Amino acid sequence: MNTRVDNFYEVCGQAQKSIHWKHKKGKEFFEHLLRRLIKTRSGEERSRLEKGTKPDLERLLTIAKNSKPMNFEVFIVQPSLSITNTSQSILTLLGVTENYLKEVGDINLKVIVNK
C-alpha cells in the first residue's frame, strides 16, 4: 500500500511541476514537444506520441505562434487505482494537487482511474 501512495506522490508532483507551462508562450510548449518527439530506448528510436503525428505538432506550433494564451488541463491516469478502493491518503494528495493547480494556475485536474 505504501508503494501506491509513493506512486501518487510522484505523479502529483509531476502534475504540479507542469504548471510552469501555463506561464510560458504556447509556442514554447510545442517547441518543447517537438524537441522531445523521439526517444531512444535499447538502441531503438521511438516516438513519444501516443496520438497524432509530427505534422500535427508542427501545425499546432504555427497556430500557437499567432494566438492568444492557451488553456491547459492536467490529467492523471492511474488504471491500477479503483474508485471503490482508494485510501484517504491518496484522496488527500489528489485534493491538494487539484487545489494547487486551480489556485496557482487556474488549471483543472482530471483523474482517470478504474471503475
Protein backbone atom coordinates (compact mmCIF):
# COMPACT_ATOMS: atom_id res chain seq x y z
CA MET A 1 0.00 0.00 0.00
CA ASN A 2 2.85 2.41 0.77
CA THR A 3 4.22 1.95 -2.77
CA ARG A 4 0.86 3.03 -4.13
CA VAL A 5 0.95 6.29 -2.15
CA ASP A 6 4.57 6.87 -3.20
CA ASN A 7 3.49 6.43 -6.82
CA PHE A 8 0.83 9.10 -6.34
CA TYR A 9 3.36 11.48 -4.79
CA GLU A 10 5.39 11.04 -7.98
CA VAL A 11 2.53 11.70 -10.43
CA CYS A 12 1.05 14.51 -8.35
CA GLY A 13 4.47 16.15 -8.21
CA GLN A 14 4.73 15.90 -11.99
CA ALA A 15 1.26 17.44 -12.32
CA GLN A 16 2.23 20.32 -10.05
CA LYS A 17 5.50 20.94 -11.90
CA SER A 18 3.63 21.15 -15.19
CA ILE A 19 2.09 24.43 -14.04
CA HIS A 20 5.12 26.32 -15.35
CA TRP A 21 3.82 25.81 -18.92
CA LYS A 22 0.84 27.99 -18.05
CA HIS A 23 3.16 30.96 -17.66
CA LYS A 24 5.03 30.48 -20.94
CA LYS A 25 4.03 31.20 -24.50
CA GLY A 26 2.18 28.46 -26.36
CA LYS A 27 4.91 28.22 -28.98
CA GLU A 28 7.42 27.22 -26.27
CA PHE A 29 5.20 24.29 -25.28
CA PHE A 30 5.00 22.87 -28.82
CA GLU A 31 8.70 23.53 -29.50
CA HIS A 32 9.46 21.52 -26.35
CA LEU A 33 7.24 18.64 -27.50
CA LEU A 34 8.90 18.63 -30.92
CA ARG A 35 12.39 18.55 -29.34
CA ARG A 36 11.36 15.55 -27.22
CA LEU A 37 9.50 13.74 -30.00
CA ILE A 38 11.97 10.88 -30.41
CA LYS A 39 13.13 8.73 -27.51
CA THR A 40 15.92 6.19 -27.77
CA ARG A 41 15.50 3.01 -25.77
CA SER A 42 17.70 -0.07 -26.10
CA GLY A 43 19.31 1.46 -29.18
CA GLU A 44 15.96 1.91 -30.94
CA GLU A 45 14.33 5.23 -31.70
CA ARG A 46 10.66 5.52 -30.78
CA SER A 47 8.14 8.30 -30.99
CA ARG A 48 6.77 9.62 -27.72
CA LEU A 49 3.46 10.46 -29.39
CA GLU A 50 0.55 8.29 -28.39
CA LYS A 51 -1.85 10.07 -30.69
CA GLY A 52 -1.22 12.36 -33.64
CA THR A 53 1.83 12.99 -35.78
CA LYS A 54 4.81 15.31 -36.05
CA PRO A 55 2.99 17.38 -38.72
CA ASP A 56 0.10 17.77 -36.25
CA LEU A 57 2.51 19.24 -33.67
CA GLU A 58 4.07 21.49 -36.30
CA ARG A 59 0.61 22.76 -37.29
CA LEU A 60 -0.25 23.45 -33.64
CA LEU A 61 3.07 25.27 -33.23
CA THR A 62 2.16 27.55 -36.15
CA ILE A 63 -1.23 28.24 -34.60
CA ALA A 64 0.29 28.88 -31.17
CA LYS A 65 2.72 31.44 -32.59
CA ASN A 66 -0.22 33.58 -33.73
CA SER A 67 -2.77 33.00 -30.99
CA LYS A 68 -3.77 34.09 -27.53
CA PRO A 69 -2.63 32.30 -24.37
CA MET A 70 -3.52 28.61 -24.25
CA ASN A 71 -5.79 26.90 -21.77
CA PHE A 72 -4.46 23.80 -20.01
CA GLU A 73 -5.94 20.81 -18.22
CA VAL A 74 -3.81 18.26 -16.39
CA PHE A 75 -4.73 14.58 -16.46
CA ILE A 76 -3.51 11.95 -14.04
CA VAL A 77 -4.17 8.45 -15.42
CA GLN A 78 -3.88 5.57 -12.95
CA PRO A 79 -5.63 2.46 -14.27
CA SER A 80 -4.36 0.43 -11.30
CA LEU A 81 -6.49 2.54 -8.93
CA SER A 82 -10.13 1.71 -8.31
CA ILE A 83 -12.73 4.28 -7.29
CA THR A 84 -14.02 1.91 -4.64
CA ASN A 85 -10.58 1.06 -3.24
CA THR A 86 -8.82 4.40 -2.73
CA SER A 87 -7.10 5.29 0.52
CA GLN A 88 -7.71 8.56 2.33
CA SER A 89 -4.02 9.41 1.85
CA ILE A 90 -4.37 9.25 -1.93
CA LEU A 91 -7.61 11.23 -1.91
CA THR A 92 -5.99 13.92 0.23
CA LEU A 93 -2.97 14.10 -2.05
CA LEU A 94 -5.17 14.39 -5.14
CA GLY A 95 -7.22 17.10 -3.43
CA VAL A 96 -4.13 19.12 -2.53
CA THR A 97 -2.84 18.78 -6.10
CA GLU A 98 -6.18 19.83 -7.56
CA ASN A 99 -6.32 22.86 -5.25
CA TYR A 100 -2.76 23.91 -6.09
CA LEU A 101 -3.31 23.70 -9.85
CA LYS A 102 -6.57 25.63 -9.62
CA GLU A 103 -5.36 28.33 -7.23
CA VAL A 104 -1.94 28.97 -8.75
CA GLY A 105 -2.60 28.39 -12.43
CA ASP A 106 -6.38 28.25 -12.90
CA ILE A 107 -5.84 24.75 -14.33
CA ASN A 108 -8.36 21.94 -13.93
CA LEU A 109 -7.20 18.50 -12.80
CA LYS A 110 -8.82 15.36 -14.18
CA VAL A 111 -8.09 11.95 -12.66
CA ILE A 112 -8.78 8.80 -14.69
CA VAL A 113 -8.98 5.50 -12.77
CA ASN A 114 -10.69 2.11 -12.98
CA LYS A 115 -14.36 1.86 -12.01
